């Protein structure tokens, strides 16, 4: 009994150390970069020219301070996670108004993002360690990722890209653990729910994809029911709120712009006015008090108009719409593989001496080659090992494919930020590429050692 308790205690201690070391190193590294570049910021405390209030998806900080619950209740341009964090920070501010309030909140947001940066790096360390069974290689992978300009940039950029990437990576990691028969329905549903509440890439139609993925992976019925129930409840509640208040099931009222944009259709002003006359619902009167230039009645009305135009075009010109959606995918795909960072004028990443090298490796045909080659390595290992887990892999790839496809359909006509949305999956690509390269090198070394041993044995027999 004592030996069992001792083993459990040792295992727990190792787990704590495995978390604390990469987390602390990552947090200290980013804190050092922020402190080093702080004497020469672009504007006050900022590492780029944008405050959190300027971001088009964010509510005014004064509104979040004065009426946090009503502001979040009437938020319709994005899910509530980012503004919820900002509202909590605003609550603790001593100065309740003006530039001092915004500066306090943005300083707090930098600290929160520093912890998310450290958590993401720790997750990558943990994942690579589980795949390769090598603490040394997992440490190397964590250091390589920690130096990557993209996570550094988004950790000092006051919007939700870093947070979204962490939650989506965590969700896929938890699905992968089911692949290894080590999954947790609570952790999976929590990660999926937080990702849904953070970014609009996950909409209500991700729920059936999520459920089918678990079905294909053949996880235990109880785990599947718990995961789908918890995640489904979050999805239904937020979409129900959106529908009751704003007559849309989408978590963003920018969706209408994307719908017409993805089929490369720019409606004329007369057509917009004609569809506007068909709107029979009213914008909530109280919502006017908690909006801004984007979270507004204009955006809400445009969403209904553009969504209706898209639906009618899909009915009357289905084939043409599909052709244009394919065109959008191809258009976004070329932008998707651009460097994820170095686009915001960030004073830190613009001055890192290794930014050019990282952006060269993690972009274009080079990055695509790495991902495809790693996939081929994985296929070879799977065939040689005789593992029969094809169904589970397909289930995992279904979720990955959803995020990948939606990320490549994000344009509004010529406007696209596919390169930035790629960062949602970039940690997953990184883990996959790094771990497969390691496994391939280890297998090659093993075969060479075996071959040399055979040659040495033959030579000794010949001498004898």
Protein backbone atom coordinates (compact mmCIF):
# COMPACT_ATOMS: atom_id res chain seq x y z
CA UNK A 1 0.00 0.00 0.00
CA UNK A 2 2.79 2.39 0.96
CA UNK A 3 4.65 1.60 -2.27
CA UNK A 4 1.53 2.38 -4.32
CA UNK A 5 1.03 5.69 -2.52
CA UNK A 6 4.69 6.51 -3.02
CA UNK A 7 4.44 5.82 -6.76
CA UNK A 8 1.33 7.99 -7.02
CA UNK A 9 3.04 10.75 -5.08
CA UNK A 10 6.12 10.57 -7.31
CA UNK A 11 3.94 10.61 -10.44
CA UNK A 12 2.06 13.66 -9.17
CA UNK A 13 5.33 15.42 -8.35
CA UNK A 14 6.70 14.70 -11.83
CA UNK A 15 3.50 16.05 -13.38
CA UNK A 16 3.72 19.25 -11.36
CA UNK A 17 7.37 19.74 -12.29
CA UNK A 18 6.62 19.00 -15.96
CA UNK A 19 4.02 21.76 -15.86
CA UNK A 20 5.87 24.32 -13.76
CA UNK A 21 9.20 24.35 -15.59
CA UNK A 22 7.99 25.04 -19.17
CA UNK A 23 5.29 27.38 -17.85
CA UNK A 24 7.74 29.42 -15.75
CA UNK A 25 10.42 29.55 -18.45
CA UNK A 26 7.89 30.68 -21.08
CA UNK A 27 6.33 33.32 -18.83
CA UNK A 28 9.74 34.68 -17.79
CA UNK A 29 10.93 34.77 -21.40
CA UNK A 30 7.95 36.82 -22.59
CA UNK A 31 8.16 39.06 -19.52
CA UNK A 32 11.84 39.68 -20.35
CA UNK A 33 10.98 40.61 -23.96
CA UNK A 34 8.22 42.96 -22.80
CA UNK A 35 10.52 44.58 -20.25
CA UNK A 36 13.41 44.88 -22.73
CA UNK A 37 11.29 46.60 -25.37
CA UNK A 38 9.19 48.63 -22.91
CA UNK A 39 11.52 51.70 -22.98
CA UNK A 40 10.69 52.12 -26.64
CA UNK A 41 7.00 51.31 -27.05
CA UNK A 42 5.01 52.76 -29.92
CA UNK A 43 2.45 54.52 -27.75
CA UNK A 44 2.53 54.51 -23.97
CA UNK A 45 2.30 50.91 -22.75
CA UNK A 46 1.55 49.38 -26.15
CA UNK A 47 3.75 47.22 -28.36
CA UNK A 48 1.69 48.10 -31.44
CA UNK A 49 -0.62 50.97 -32.26
CA UNK A 50 -3.89 49.31 -31.22
CA UNK A 51 -5.61 49.47 -27.85
CA UNK A 52 -8.20 46.83 -26.97
CA UNK A 53 -10.93 49.47 -27.43
CA UNK A 54 -9.95 50.03 -31.07
CA UNK A 55 -10.52 46.39 -32.04
CA UNK A 56 -13.68 46.18 -34.14
CA UNK A 57 -15.01 43.14 -32.26
CA UNK A 58 -14.61 44.74 -28.81
CA UNK A 59 -17.13 46.75 -26.82
CA UNK A 60 -16.16 50.15 -25.34
CA UNK A 61 -14.38 49.61 -22.03
CA UNK A 62 -16.53 52.27 -20.34
CA UNK A 63 -19.66 50.31 -21.18
CA UNK A 64 -18.11 47.13 -19.77
CA UNK A 65 -17.20 48.99 -16.58
CA UNK A 66 -20.56 50.70 -16.04
CA UNK A 67 -22.90 47.86 -17.10
CA UNK A 68 -20.92 44.64 -17.68
CA UNK A 69 -23.81 42.17 -17.69
CA UNK A 70 -26.11 44.18 -19.96
CA UNK A 71 -23.22 45.03 -22.29
CA UNK A 72 -22.34 41.33 -22.69
CA UNK A 73 -26.03 40.42 -22.98
CA UNK A 74 -26.48 42.77 -25.94
CA UNK A 75 -23.14 41.87 -27.56
CA UNK A 76 -23.84 40.42 -31.02
CA UNK A 77 -20.71 40.92 -33.13
CA UNK A 78 -18.62 38.21 -31.47
CA UNK A 79 -18.74 35.59 -28.67
CA UNK A 80 -18.36 37.06 -25.18
CA UNK A 81 -15.04 35.65 -23.92
CA UNK A 82 -12.71 38.56 -24.74
CA UNK A 83 -15.07 41.25 -23.46
CA UNK A 84 -15.84 39.16 -20.37
CA UNK A 85 -12.14 39.20 -19.48
CA UNK A 86 -11.98 42.93 -20.14
CA UNK A 87 -15.09 43.48 -18.00
CA UNK A 88 -13.52 41.60 -15.06
CA UNK A 89 -10.34 43.67 -15.36
CA UNK A 90 -12.38 46.89 -15.56
CA UNK A 91 -14.24 45.93 -12.39
CA UNK A 92 -10.99 46.01 -10.39
CA UNK A 93 -9.77 49.33 -11.79
CA UNK A 94 -9.48 52.11 -9.21
CA UNK A 95 -10.13 54.80 -11.79
CA UNK A 96 -13.52 54.14 -13.30
CA UNK A 97 -13.35 56.24 -16.45
CA UNK A 98 -11.29 57.70 -19.25
CA UNK A 99 -7.82 56.77 -20.56
CA UNK A 100 -6.68 55.61 -17.11
CA UNK A 101 -9.37 52.89 -17.11
CA UNK A 102 -8.41 51.66 -20.58
CA UNK A 103 -4.71 51.64 -19.69
CA UNK A 104 -5.39 49.62 -16.54
CA UNK A 105 -7.45 47.06 -18.46
CA UNK A 106 -4.92 46.75 -21.28
CA UNK A 107 -2.05 46.27 -18.81
CA UNK A 108 -4.09 43.51 -17.20
CA UNK A 109 -4.82 41.99 -20.60
CA UNK A 110 -1.09 41.85 -21.35
CA UNK A 111 -0.62 39.87 -18.13
CA UNK A 112 -3.46 37.47 -18.97
CA UNK A 113 -2.04 36.95 -22.45
CA UNK A 114 1.41 36.28 -20.93
CA UNK A 115 -0.12 33.41 -18.92
CA UNK A 116 -1.94 32.09 -22.00
CA UNK A 117 1.36 32.22 -23.92
CA UNK A 118 2.98 30.16 -21.16
CA UNK A 119 0.05 27.70 -21.04
CA UNK A 120 0.19 27.16 -24.80
CA UNK A 121 3.92 26.47 -24.67
CA UNK A 122 3.41 24.08 -21.75
CA UNK A 123 0.69 22.27 -23.69
CA UNK A 124 3.08 21.85 -26.65
CA UNK A 125 5.79 20.49 -24.32
CA UNK A 126 3.34 18.03 -22.77
CA UNK A 127 1.96 16.88 -26.13
CA UNK A 128 5.37 16.33 -27.73
CA UNK A 129 6.57 14.49 -24.62
CA UNK A 130 3.60 12.12 -24.76
CA UNK A 131 4.16 11.42 -28.48
CA UNK A 132 7.94 10.98 -28.40
CA UNK A 133 8.43 9.80 -24.82
CA UNK A 134 11.42 12.13 -24.69
CA UNK A 135 11.69 14.97 -22.19
CA UNK A 136 14.78 16.28 -23.99
CA UNK A 137 13.10 16.54 -27.37
CA UNK A 138 9.92 17.96 -25.84
CA UNK A 139 12.08 20.64 -24.20
CA UNK A 140 13.73 21.44 -27.53
CA UNK A 141 10.31 21.68 -29.20
CA UNK A 142 9.05 23.98 -26.43
CA UNK A 143 12.05 26.29 -26.80
CA UNK A 144 11.69 26.40 -30.60
CA UNK A 145 7.99 27.28 -30.26
CA UNK A 146 8.69 29.82 -27.51
CA UNK A 147 10.98 31.72 -29.90
CA UNK A 148 8.36 31.69 -32.68
CA UNK A 149 7.44 35.34 -33.52
CA UNK A 150 3.74 34.55 -34.10
CA UNK A 151 2.81 33.56 -30.51
CA UNK A 152 4.97 36.41 -29.20
CA UNK A 153 3.14 38.85 -31.45
CA UNK A 154 -0.33 37.63 -30.50
CA UNK A 155 0.62 37.61 -26.82
CA UNK A 156 1.23 41.35 -27.17
CA UNK A 157 -1.77 42.02 -29.41
CA UNK A 158 -4.91 42.90 -27.49
CA UNK A 159 -7.47 40.68 -29.24
CA UNK A 160 -8.44 37.02 -29.02
CA UNK A 161 -6.24 35.20 -31.58
CA UNK A 162 -3.83 33.76 -28.98
CA UNK A 163 -6.67 32.72 -26.68
CA UNK A 164 -8.55 31.08 -29.56
CA UNK A 165 -5.44 29.21 -30.65
CA UNK A 166 -4.87 27.89 -27.13
CA UNK A 167 -8.45 26.65 -26.68
CA UNK A 168 -8.62 25.05 -30.16
CA UNK A 169 -5.22 23.39 -29.66
CA UNK A 170 -6.32 22.15 -26.24
CA UNK A 171 -9.56 20.77 -27.72
CA UNK A 172 -7.67 18.84 -30.41
CA UNK A 173 -5.15 17.62 -27.82
CA UNK A 174 -8.00 16.25 -25.70
CA UNK A 175 -9.44 14.49 -28.77
CA UNK A 176 -5.99 13.03 -29.44
CA UNK A 177 -5.90 11.69 -25.90
CA UNK A 178 -9.04 9.71 -26.70
CA UNK A 179 -7.04 8.32 -29.62
CA UNK A 180 -4.63 7.01 -26.96
CA UNK A 181 -7.50 5.81 -24.69
CA UNK A 182 -6.58 8.50 -22.15
CA UNK A 183 -9.31 11.07 -22.76
CA UNK A 184 -11.56 13.01 -20.41
CA UNK A 185 -15.07 14.04 -21.42
CA UNK A 186 -15.03 16.96 -18.95
CA UNK A 187 -11.76 18.38 -20.23
CA UNK A 188 -12.81 17.92 -23.87
CA UNK A 189 -16.19 19.61 -23.43
CA UNK A 190 -14.59 22.43 -21.42
CA UNK A 191 -11.97 23.09 -24.12
CA UNK A 192 -14.58 22.98 -26.91
CA UNK A 193 -16.95 25.27 -24.99
CA UNK A 194 -14.25 27.84 -24.27
CA UNK A 195 -13.18 27.80 -27.93
CA UNK A 196 -16.80 28.33 -29.00
CA UNK A 197 -17.19 31.24 -26.57
CA UNK A 198 -14.00 32.89 -27.83
CA UNK A 199 -14.04 32.94 -31.62
CA UNK A 200 -16.61 32.77 -34.40
CA UNK A 201 -14.76 30.04 -36.32
CA UNK A 202 -16.84 27.59 -34.27
CA UNK A 203 -20.53 28.09 -35.06
CA UNK A 204 -23.62 26.02 -34.17
CA UNK A 205 -22.96 23.69 -37.11
CA UNK A 206 -19.70 22.61 -35.47
CA UNK A 207 -21.81 20.78 -32.87
CA UNK A 208 -22.91 17.97 -35.25
CA UNK A 209 -19.33 17.76 -36.57
CA UNK A 210 -18.14 17.40 -32.98
CA UNK A 211 -20.74 14.71 -32.24
CA UNK A 212 -19.99 12.73 -35.42
CA UNK A 213 -16.28 12.93 -34.64
CA UNK A 214 -16.82 11.30 -31.24
CA UNK A 215 -19.09 8.70 -32.85
CA UNK A 216 -16.46 7.80 -35.46
CA UNK A 217 -13.75 7.63 -32.82
CA UNK A 218 -15.89 5.09 -30.94
CA UNK A 219 -15.17 6.53 -27.54
CA UNK A 220 -17.14 5.24 -24.58
CA UNK A 221 -20.83 6.06 -24.84
CA UNK A 222 -20.84 7.79 -21.45
CA UNK A 223 -17.90 10.05 -22.42
CA UNK A 224 -19.52 10.90 -25.75
CA UNK A 225 -22.87 11.76 -24.12
CA UNK A 226 -21.24 13.92 -21.44
CA UNK A 227 -19.05 15.78 -23.97
CA UNK A 228 -21.86 16.45 -26.45
CA UNK A 229 -24.34 17.38 -23.70
CA UNK A 230 -22.09 19.93 -21.98
CA UNK A 231 -20.79 21.45 -25.21
CA UNK A 232 -24.24 21.32 -26.81
CA UNK A 233 -25.79 23.16 -23.86
CA UNK A 234 -23.28 26.02 -24.23
CA UNK A 235 -23.86 26.22 -27.99
CA UNK A 236 -27.64 26.15 -27.67
CA UNK A 237 -27.77 28.77 -24.91
CA UNK A 238 -25.61 31.30 -26.77
CA UNK A 239 -27.34 30.70 -30.12
CA UNK A 240 -30.74 30.94 -28.42
CA UNK A 241 -29.78 34.30 -26.94
CA UNK A 242 -28.64 35.50 -30.36
CA UNK A 243 -31.84 34.31 -32.00
CA UNK A 244 -34.24 35.74 -29.42
CA UNK A 245 -32.54 39.14 -29.33
CA UNK A 246 -31.09 39.51 -32.83
CA UNK A 247 -32.88 36.92 -35.01
CA UNK A 248 -29.74 35.06 -36.03
CA UNK A 249 -28.22 31.74 -34.98
CA UNK A 250 -24.71 32.99 -35.68
CA UNK A 251 -22.50 34.18 -32.83
CA UNK A 252 -21.52 37.17 -34.97
CA UNK A 253 -23.58 39.65 -36.94
CA UNK A 254 -20.62 40.09 -39.27
CA UNK A 255 -21.72 36.74 -40.73
CA UNK A 256 -23.86 38.35 -43.43
CA UNK A 257 -20.90 40.25 -44.88
CA UNK A 258 -18.94 36.99 -45.02
CA UNK A 259 -21.79 35.11 -46.68
CA UNK A 260 -22.05 37.48 -49.65
CA UNK A 261 -18.29 38.01 -49.65
CA UNK A 262 -17.48 34.31 -49.90
CA UNK A 263 -19.55 34.07 -53.11
CA UNK A 264 -17.94 37.28 -54.44
CA UNK A 265 -21.22 39.17 -54.58
CA UNK A 266 -21.44 42.89 -53.91
CA UNK A 267 -25.12 43.83 -53.69
CA UNK A 268 -26.14 47.16 -55.11
CA UNK A 269 -27.57 49.87 -52.91
CA UNK A 270 -31.00 49.47 -54.50
CA UNK A 271 -30.99 45.73 -53.79
CA UNK A 272 -29.98 46.37 -50.18
CA UNK A 273 -32.82 48.86 -49.79
CA UNK A 274 -35.29 46.39 -51.28
CA UNK A 275 -34.28 43.67 -48.82
CA UNK A 276 -34.24 46.18 -45.95
CA UNK A 277 -37.95 46.82 -46.53
CA UNK A 278 -38.61 43.10 -46.01
CA UNK A 279 -37.20 43.09 -42.47
CA UNK A 280 -40.14 42.63 -40.13
CA UNK A 281 -38.27 42.40 -36.82
CA UNK A 282 -37.00 45.16 -34.55
CA UNK A 283 -33.61 45.81 -33.05
CA UNK A 284 -33.82 45.69 -29.21
CA UNK A 285 -34.29 49.28 -28.04
CA UNK A 286 -32.16 48.78 -24.92
CA UNK A 287 -29.27 47.40 -27.00
CA UNK A 288 -28.68 50.87 -28.44
CA UNK A 289 -27.33 51.97 -25.05
CA UNK A 290 -24.64 49.26 -25.01
CA UNK A 291 -23.27 49.33 -28.53
CA UNK A 292 -20.70 51.14 -30.59
CA UNK A 293 -20.02 51.72 -34.29
CA UNK A 294 -19.78 47.95 -34.94
CA UNK A 295 -21.95 46.38 -32.25
CA UNK A 296 -24.80 48.43 -33.64
CA UNK A 297 -28.20 48.36 -35.27
CA UNK A 298 -26.55 49.03 -38.64
CA UNK A 299 -24.40 45.90 -38.42
CA UNK A 300 -27.40 43.88 -37.19
CA UNK A 301 -29.57 45.06 -40.10
CA UNK A 302 -26.80 44.48 -42.65
CA UNK A 303 -26.41 40.94 -41.32
CA UNK A 304 -30.08 40.16 -41.94
CA UNK A 305 -29.98 41.75 -45.40
CA UNK A 306 -26.80 40.06 -46.60
CA UNK A 307 -27.86 36.72 -45.12
CA UNK A 308 -31.19 36.91 -46.96
CA UNK A 309 -29.45 37.83 -50.23
CA UNK A 310 -27.03 34.92 -49.80
CA UNK A 311 -29.88 32.48 -49.11
CA UNK A 312 -31.79 33.57 -52.21
CA UNK A 313 -28.71 33.40 -54.43
CA UNK A 314 -27.96 29.92 -53.10
CA UNK A 315 -31.48 28.82 -54.08
CA UNK A 316 -31.52 30.39 -57.54
CA UNK A 317 -27.83 29.99 -58.57
CA UNK A 318 -26.61 27.05 -56.50
CA UNK A 319 -23.95 25.82 -58.93
CA UNK A 320 -22.52 29.28 -59.46
CA UNK A 321 -22.42 29.89 -55.70
CA UNK A 322 -20.53 26.63 -55.17
CA UNK A 323 -18.04 27.60 -57.88
CA UNK A 324 -17.46 30.94 -56.19
CA UNK A 325 -17.08 29.31 -52.77
CA UNK A 326 -14.39 27.10 -54.30
CA UNK A 327 -12.81 30.24 -55.73
CA UNK A 328 -12.81 31.75 -52.23
CA UNK A 329 -11.14 28.64 -50.81
CA UNK A 330 -8.39 28.86 -53.40
CA UNK A 331 -7.99 32.60 -52.80
CA UNK A 332 -7.75 32.16 -49.02
CA UNK A 333 -5.51 29.10 -49.32
CA UNK A 334 -2.65 31.10 -50.82
CA UNK A 335 -2.98 33.70 -48.05
CA UNK A 336 -3.40 31.01 -45.37
CA UNK A 337 0.19 29.80 -45.73
CA UNK A 338 1.68 33.26 -45.33
CA UNK A 339 3.56 33.97 -42.05
CA UNK A 340 1.06 34.11 -39.18
CA UNK A 341 2.67 37.09 -37.50
CA UNK A 342 4.63 40.24 -38.35
CA UNK A 343 1.56 42.01 -39.76
CA UNK A 344 0.60 44.30 -36.86
CA UNK A 345 3.66 46.55 -36.62
CA UNK A 346 4.69 44.93 -33.34
CA UNK A 347 7.77 46.57 -31.80
CA UNK A 348 8.97 43.24 -30.34
CA UNK A 349 8.62 40.82 -33.23
CA UNK A 350 9.69 43.40 -35.82
CA UNK A 351 13.06 43.60 -34.02
CA UNK A 352 13.69 39.94 -33.21
CA UNK A 353 16.76 38.82 -35.21
CA UNK A 354 15.25 35.39 -35.89
CA UNK A 355 11.85 36.56 -37.16
CA UNK A 356 12.85 36.33 -40.82
CA UNK A 357 14.05 32.73 -40.47
CA UNK A 358 10.88 31.62 -38.67
CA UNK A 359 8.61 33.38 -41.14
CA UNK A 360 10.51 31.75 -44.00
CA UNK A 361 10.26 28.23 -42.57
CA UNK A 362 6.69 28.45 -41.30
CA UNK A 363 5.13 29.72 -44.51
CA UNK A 364 4.58 28.92 -48.15
CA UNK A 365 5.52 25.68 -49.87
CA UNK A 366 8.19 24.96 -47.22
CA UNK A 367 5.63 24.69 -44.44
CA UNK A 368 3.23 22.74 -46.65
CA UNK A 369 6.10 20.35 -47.50
CA UNK A 370 6.87 19.84 -43.81
CA UNK A 371 3.23 19.07 -42.98
CA UNK A 372 2.78 16.67 -45.92
CA UNK A 373 6.11 14.92 -45.27
CA UNK A 374 5.20 14.48 -41.62
CA UNK A 375 1.88 12.99 -42.70
CA UNK A 376 3.68 10.48 -44.93
CA UNK A 377 6.02 9.57 -42.06
CA UNK A 378 3.03 8.97 -39.83
CA UNK A 379 1.38 6.75 -42.47
CA UNK A 380 4.58 4.69 -42.80
CA UNK A 381 4.82 4.23 -39.04
CA UNK A 382 1.15 3.26 -38.82
CA UNK A 383 1.51 0.64 -41.57
CA UNK A 384 4.72 -0.81 -40.15
CA UNK A 385 3.34 -0.99 -36.59
CA UNK A 386 0.09 -2.60 -37.75
CA UNK A 387 -2.05 -0.30 -35.59
CA UNK A 388 -5.74 -0.45 -36.43
CA UNK A 389 -7.00 2.94 -35.28
CA UNK A 390 -8.10 4.34 -38.65
CA UNK A 391 -11.59 5.24 -37.41
CA UNK A 392 -10.22 7.23 -34.46
CA UNK A 393 -7.81 9.09 -36.70
CA UNK A 394 -10.63 9.96 -39.13
CA UNK A 395 -12.69 11.29 -36.23
CA UNK A 396 -9.82 13.50 -35.10
CA UNK A 397 -9.15 14.70 -38.66
CA UNK A 398 -12.83 15.62 -39.01
CA UNK A 399 -12.50 18.32 -36.35
CA UNK A 400 -9.18 19.47 -37.78
CA UNK A 401 -10.67 19.62 -41.27
CA UNK A 402 -13.62 21.70 -40.06
CA UNK A 403 -11.32 24.37 -38.60
CA UNK A 404 -9.06 24.25 -41.67
CA UNK A 405 -11.91 24.61 -44.19
CA UNK A 406 -13.69 27.40 -42.28
CA UNK A 407 -10.36 29.21 -41.94
CA UNK A 408 -10.05 29.13 -45.73
CA UNK A 409 -13.54 30.59 -46.25
CA UNK A 410 -13.04 33.73 -44.18
CA UNK A 411 -12.91 36.35 -46.91
CA UNK A 412 -15.24 39.23 -47.65
CA UNK A 413 -14.58 39.64 -51.35
CA UNK A 414 -10.86 40.55 -51.55
CA UNK A 415 -10.43 41.12 -47.79
CA UNK A 416 -9.03 38.14 -45.91
CA UNK A 417 -7.04 37.38 -42.77
CA UNK A 418 -6.53 33.67 -43.43
CA UNK A 419 -2.85 34.03 -42.46
CA UNK A 420 -3.89 35.08 -38.95
CA UNK A 421 -6.62 32.47 -38.63
CA UNK A 422 -4.03 29.84 -39.58
CA UNK A 423 -2.56 30.44 -36.11
CA UNK A 424 -5.58 28.62 -34.64
CA UNK A 425 -4.04 25.38 -35.93
CA UNK A 426 -0.37 26.32 -36.16
CA UNK A 427 0.50 24.81 -32.74
CA UNK A 428 -1.10 21.54 -33.91
CA UNK A 429 0.91 21.59 -37.15
CA UNK A 430 4.04 22.33 -35.13
CA UNK A 431 3.53 19.43 -32.72
CA UNK A 432 2.77 17.04 -35.56
CA UNK A 433 5.78 18.06 -37.69
CA UNK A 434 8.25 18.14 -34.81
CA UNK A 435 7.18 14.82 -33.30
CA UNK A 436 7.12 12.94 -36.62
CA UNK A 437 10.58 14.23 -37.57
CA UNK A 438 11.89 13.07 -34.20
CA UNK A 439 10.30 9.64 -34.54
CA UNK A 440 11.70 9.28 -38.07
CA UNK A 441 15.23 10.22 -36.92
CA UNK A 442 15.01 7.85 -33.95
CA UNK A 443 13.84 5.00 -36.19
CA UNK A 444 16.64 5.71 -38.66
CA UNK A 445 19.27 5.72 -35.90
CA UNK A 446 17.87 2.45 -34.54
CA UNK A 447 18.04 0.82 -37.97
CA UNK A 448 21.60 2.05 -38.51
CA UNK A 449 22.67 0.72 -35.12
CA UNK A 450 21.02 -2.61 -35.91
CA UNK A 451 22.73 -2.72 -39.29
CA UNK A 452 26.13 -1.90 -37.83
CA UNK A 453 25.61 -4.57 -35.18
CA UNK A 454 24.80 -7.13 -37.87
CA UNK A 455 27.89 -6.14 -39.88
CA UNK A 456 30.06 -6.35 -36.76
CA UNK A 457 28.67 -9.82 -35.99
CA UNK A 458 29.34 -11.00 -39.54
CA UNK A 459 32.90 -9.66 -39.40
CA UNK A 460 33.58 -11.40 -36.09
CA UNK A 461 32.31 -14.69 -37.51
CA UNK A 462 34.49 -14.22 -40.59
CA UNK A 463 37.58 -13.56 -38.45
CA UNK A 464 36.88 -16.59 -36.28
